C-alpha atoms as a PDB file:
ATOM      1  CA  MET A   1    -100.020-117.553 -12.377  1.00  0.00           C
ATOM      2  CA  LEU A   2    -101.125-118.531  -9.281  1.00  0.00           C
ATOM      3  CA  GLU A   3    -104.644-119.481  -9.935  1.00  0.00           C
ATOM      4  CA  PRO A   4    -104.593-121.810 -12.160  1.00  0.00           C
ATOM      5  CA  LEU A   5    -102.085-123.888 -10.092  1.00  0.00           C
ATOM      6  CA  VAL A   6    -104.413-123.731  -6.988  1.00  0.00           C
ATOM      7  CA  ARG A   7    -107.379-124.635  -9.273  1.00  0.00           C
ATOM      8  CA  LEU A   8    -105.816-127.868 -10.637  1.00  0.00           C
ATOM      9  CA  SER A   9    -104.322-128.659  -7.277  1.00  0.00           C
ATOM     10  CA  PRO A  10    -105.941-131.301  -4.890  1.00  0.00           C
ATOM     11  CA  LEU A  11    -106.033-128.640  -2.007  1.00  0.00           C
ATOM     12  CA  ALA A  12    -108.013-126.136  -4.232  1.00  0.00           C
ATOM     13  CA  PRO A  13    -111.244-126.708  -2.083  1.00  0.00           C
ATOM     14  CA  PHE A  14    -109.721-125.837   0.854  1.00  0.00           C
ATOM     15  CA  VAL A  15    -108.315-122.740  -0.303  1.00  0.00           C
ATOM     16  CA  ASP A  16    -110.661-119.517  -0.253  1.00  0.00           C
ATOM     17  CA  GLY A  17    -108.630-117.113  -2.439  1.00  0.00           C
ATOM     18  CA  VAL A  18    -104.943-116.454  -3.507  1.00  0.00           C
ATOM     19  CA  LEU A  19    -102.923-113.349  -2.577  1.00  0.00           C
ATOM     20  CA  SER A  20     -99.843-112.156  -4.544  1.00  0.00           C
ATOM     21  CA  VAL A  21     -97.271-109.579  -3.949  1.00  0.00           C
ATOM     22  CA  ASP A  22     -96.317-109.445  -7.506  1.00  0.00           C
ATOM     23  CA  ALA A  23     -99.179-107.335  -8.516  1.00  0.00           C
ATOM     24  CA  ALA A  24     -98.081-104.895  -5.587  1.00  0.00           C
ATOM     25  CA  GLY A  25     -94.523-104.220  -6.582  1.00  0.00           C
ATOM     26  CA  ILE A  26     -93.686-105.712  -2.963  1.00  0.00           C
ATOM     27  CA  TYR A  27     -91.697-108.382  -2.172  1.00  0.00           C
ATOM     28  CA  LYS A  28     -91.067-110.700   0.669  1.00  0.00           C
ATOM     29  CA  PRO A  29     -89.553-110.246   3.728  1.00  0.00           C
ATOM     30  CA  SER A  30     -90.794-106.715   3.527  1.00  0.00           C
ATOM     31  CA  PRO A  31     -93.353-106.070   6.006  1.00  0.00           C
ATOM     32  CA  ARG A  32     -95.071-104.113   3.557  1.00  0.00           C
ATOM     33  CA  ALA A  33     -95.578-107.595   1.959  1.00  0.00           C
ATOM     34  CA  TYR A  34     -96.846-109.664   4.658  1.00  0.00           C
ATOM     35  CA  GLN A  35     -99.095-106.576   5.461  1.00  0.00           C
ATOM     36  CA  LEU A  36    -101.259-107.413   2.286  1.00  0.00           C
ATOM     37  CA  ALA A  37    -103.201-110.644   4.079  1.00  0.00           C
ATOM     38  CA  VAL A  38    -103.732-108.475   7.420  1.00  0.00           C
ATOM     39  CA  ASP A  39    -105.324-105.980   5.104  1.00  0.00           C
ATOM     40  CA  ARG A  40    -107.088-108.412   3.155  1.00  0.00           C
ATOM     41  CA  LEU A  41    -108.195-111.001   5.616  1.00  0.00           C
ATOM     42  CA  HIS A  42    -109.192-108.531   8.207  1.00  0.00           C
ATOM     43  CA  LEU A  43    -107.160-110.468  11.027  1.00  0.00           C
ATOM     44  CA  PRO A  44    -104.442-109.661  13.262  1.00  0.00           C
ATOM     45  CA  PRO A  45    -101.337-111.070  12.362  1.00  0.00           C
ATOM     46  CA  PRO A  46    -100.945-114.070  14.993  1.00  0.00           C
ATOM     47  CA  ARG A  47    -104.462-115.427  13.431  1.00  0.00           C
ATOM     48  CA  ILE A  48    -102.972-115.787   9.975  1.00  0.00           C
ATOM     49  CA  GLY A  49    -101.320-118.993   9.083  1.00  0.00           C
ATOM     50  CA  PHE A  50     -98.362-118.750   6.556  1.00  0.00           C
ATOM     51  CA  VAL A  51     -96.777-122.104   4.781  1.00  0.00           C
ATOM     52  CA  SER A  52     -93.856-121.974   3.047  1.00  0.00           C
ATOM     53  CA  SER A  53     -91.316-124.788   1.422  1.00  0.00           C
ATOM     54  CA  ASN A  54     -88.506-121.924   2.079  1.00  0.00           C
ATOM     55  CA  CYS A  55     -87.157-121.473   5.449  1.00  0.00           C
ATOM     56  CA  TRP A  56     -86.303-117.764   4.934  1.00  0.00           C
ATOM     57  CA  ASP A  57     -89.981-117.090   4.072  1.00  0.00           C
ATOM     58  CA  ALA A  58     -91.071-118.946   7.193  1.00  0.00           C
ATOM     59  CA  ILE A  59     -88.642-116.663   9.009  1.00  0.00           C
ATOM     60  CA  GLY A  60     -89.967-113.206   7.735  1.00  0.00           C
ATOM     61  CA  ALA A  61     -93.791-114.541   8.548  1.00  0.00           C
ATOM     62  CA  GLN A  62     -93.001-115.464  12.091  1.00  0.00           C
ATOM     63  CA  SER A  63     -91.106-112.013  12.408  1.00  0.00           C
ATOM     64  CA  TYR A  64     -94.053-110.201  11.213  1.00  0.00           C
ATOM     65  CA  GLY A  65     -96.581-112.310  13.677  1.00  0.00           C
ATOM     66  CA  PHE A  66     -97.535-114.879  11.456  1.00  0.00           C
ATOM     67  CA  THR A  67     -98.060-118.243  12.686  1.00  0.00           C
ATOM     68  CA  ALA A  68     -95.613-119.980  10.901  1.00  0.00           C
ATOM     69  CA  PHE A  69     -95.125-123.434   9.157  1.00  0.00           C
ATOM     70  CA  TRP A  70     -92.255-124.252   7.259  1.00  0.00           C
ATOM     71  CA  ILE A  71     -92.701-126.953   5.103  1.00  0.00           C
ATOM     72  CA  ASN A  72     -88.932-129.093   5.106  1.00  0.00           C
ATOM     73  CA  ARG A  73     -89.416-131.708   3.244  1.00  0.00           C
ATOM     74  CA  THR A  74     -85.207-132.416   2.767  1.00  0.00           C
ATOM     75  CA  GLY A  75     -84.431-131.990   6.812  1.00  0.00           C
ATOM     76  CA  ALA A  76     -82.469-128.625   5.792  1.00  0.00           C
ATOM     77  CA  PRO A  77     -80.946-126.914   8.899  1.00  0.00           C
ATOM     78  CA  VAL A  78     -83.001-123.569  10.123  1.00  0.00           C
ATOM     79  CA  ASP A  79     -81.605-120.075   8.908  1.00  0.00           C
ATOM     80  CA  ARG A  80     -80.154-118.063  11.378  1.00  0.00           C
ATOM     81  CA  HIS A  81     -81.387-114.741  10.546  1.00  0.00           C
ATOM     82  CA  GLY A  82     -84.695-114.643  12.370  1.00  0.00           C
ATOM     83  CA  PRO A  83     -87.055-116.464  14.889  1.00  0.00           C
ATOM     84  CA  PRO A  84     -87.474-119.895  13.671  1.00  0.00           C
ATOM     85  CA  PRO A  85     -90.711-121.078  12.451  1.00  0.00           C
ATOM     86  CA  ARG A  86     -93.461-122.257  15.005  1.00  0.00           C
ATOM     87  CA  HIS A  87     -93.988-125.146  13.249  1.00  0.00           C
ATOM     88  CA  VAL A  88     -91.315-127.589  11.113  1.00  0.00           C
ATOM     89  CA  LEU A  89     -93.134-129.940   9.116  1.00  0.00           C
ATOM     90  CA  GLN A  90     -91.377-132.594   6.568  1.00  0.00           C
ATOM     91  CA  SER A  91     -94.595-132.714   4.789  1.00  0.00           C
ATOM     92  CA  LEU A  92     -97.730-130.636   3.897  1.00  0.00           C
ATOM     93  CA  ALA A  93     -99.761-133.587   5.276  1.00  0.00           C
ATOM     94  CA  GLU A  94     -98.913-132.977   8.579  1.00  0.00           C
ATOM     95  CA  LEU A  95    -100.772-129.351   8.102  1.00  0.00           C
ATOM     96  CA  PRO A  96    -104.841-130.450   8.721  1.00  0.00           C
ATOM     97  CA  ALA A  97    -103.772-132.029  12.130  1.00  0.00           C
ATOM     98  CA  LEU A  98    -102.254-128.706  13.511  1.00  0.00           C
ATOM     99  CA  VAL A  99    -104.807-126.428  12.074  1.00  0.00           C
ATOM    100  CA  THR A 100    -107.603-128.002  12.983  1.00  0.00           C
ATOM    101  CA  ALA A 101    -106.695-128.860  16.376  1.00  0.00           C
END
């Protein structure tokens, strides 16, 4: 399901691969779901950037140790059930300046 979406997106040239928890039957915010990225990328959690439009998802990733970027297009309040995402952006367009700096 994700592969065609990425392939047809203008972001496609910047995406090296797609991970999905669906095939593994593990769902976020289970730590095992985030571990899939650590195993695939062979990187420690702080070296992995995690981008989501869902605050709860960014909080789960931040709790696991990823560098979380929450795309908060609507100005919603931060959920209270974990550490806030490291970065809260209004638009995905803000992301390149943060990851290339």
